[in-house]
């Protein structure tokens, strides 16, 4: 999954770098507010992909005494920073630029340059979007899109997919605004397009921040994994019951599992010790993303209907 994420990010990074340079040149020669907003959008996206790659690199650092469970959550932190940058730089500047051009309109020149640049950008962004969508389809498995988005534990692909989706919509908005300005001579359309692009970016950033917040705080594993772990433990002949199963994603490929298990009274300490070791191996073999398992022997005092919530 990490390899696929890197391919998607590198593809988006290369495309956005070329597109950003082209848009800035076009905005300079034409004076279009919408084109300038799109250039800023592509520049922010380029920086965001760089931050995601940095986050993925940091997340691979091994565990140490200060971070005994590793640095896997670095990717969640940097994904959250990306969402903030999209909001502040991409959305905020685009809205400001649009309002400024509405209040102080300046007629654009050489509109054909805008059409050419936007056409090429749509092709490049579309190719990057299709690449990211294919990778997302591969990682989501049989889940529906909405469920896969809500349950994904690898935000890097999600960030790129959302960025590319917002970029395509922004390009269409810019194209409509520039076309209407060209046909009518009314500069309001160009400035309004810039404001719409900014609002689109702000909405995207809020959505991404919401999706990464849970992972950053400490989101549980998928319910299917929690239920599977419970089934494995319940099948043991010396287990009387499971009090609770608590899971947390320490990274996209690192699940921490802690559980409280009630063993039968007749089980000796040696039997319990060997059974815990066996359960540890079986859980990790069935669910490779589970890296650490802690099992506490504890008497079940009362029924706990929420014990398998996995939170």
Foldseek 3Di string as FASTA:
>chain_A
DVVLLLVLLVLLLVLLVVLLVLLVVQCVQWVFLLSPLLSQLSVLSNVLSVLLVVQVVQQPDAADPVRNQGQQCSNLVSLLVSLVCLLVRNLVVLQVSLVVCLVVPDGTPDLVSVVVSLVVSLVSLVVSLVSLVVSLPVVQDPDDPVVSLLQAQRCSSVSSNLSSVLSNVLSVLQVVLSVCCVVPVDSNSSSVSSNVSSVSSNVSSVVSNVSSVCLSVWHFHDLVLLVVLLVLVVPDPFFPHWQAWAWTDSHNLEIEIETETEGHPPDDPVNVVVVVVVSVVVSCVVRVSYDYYHYHHDHDPDDDPCRSVRD
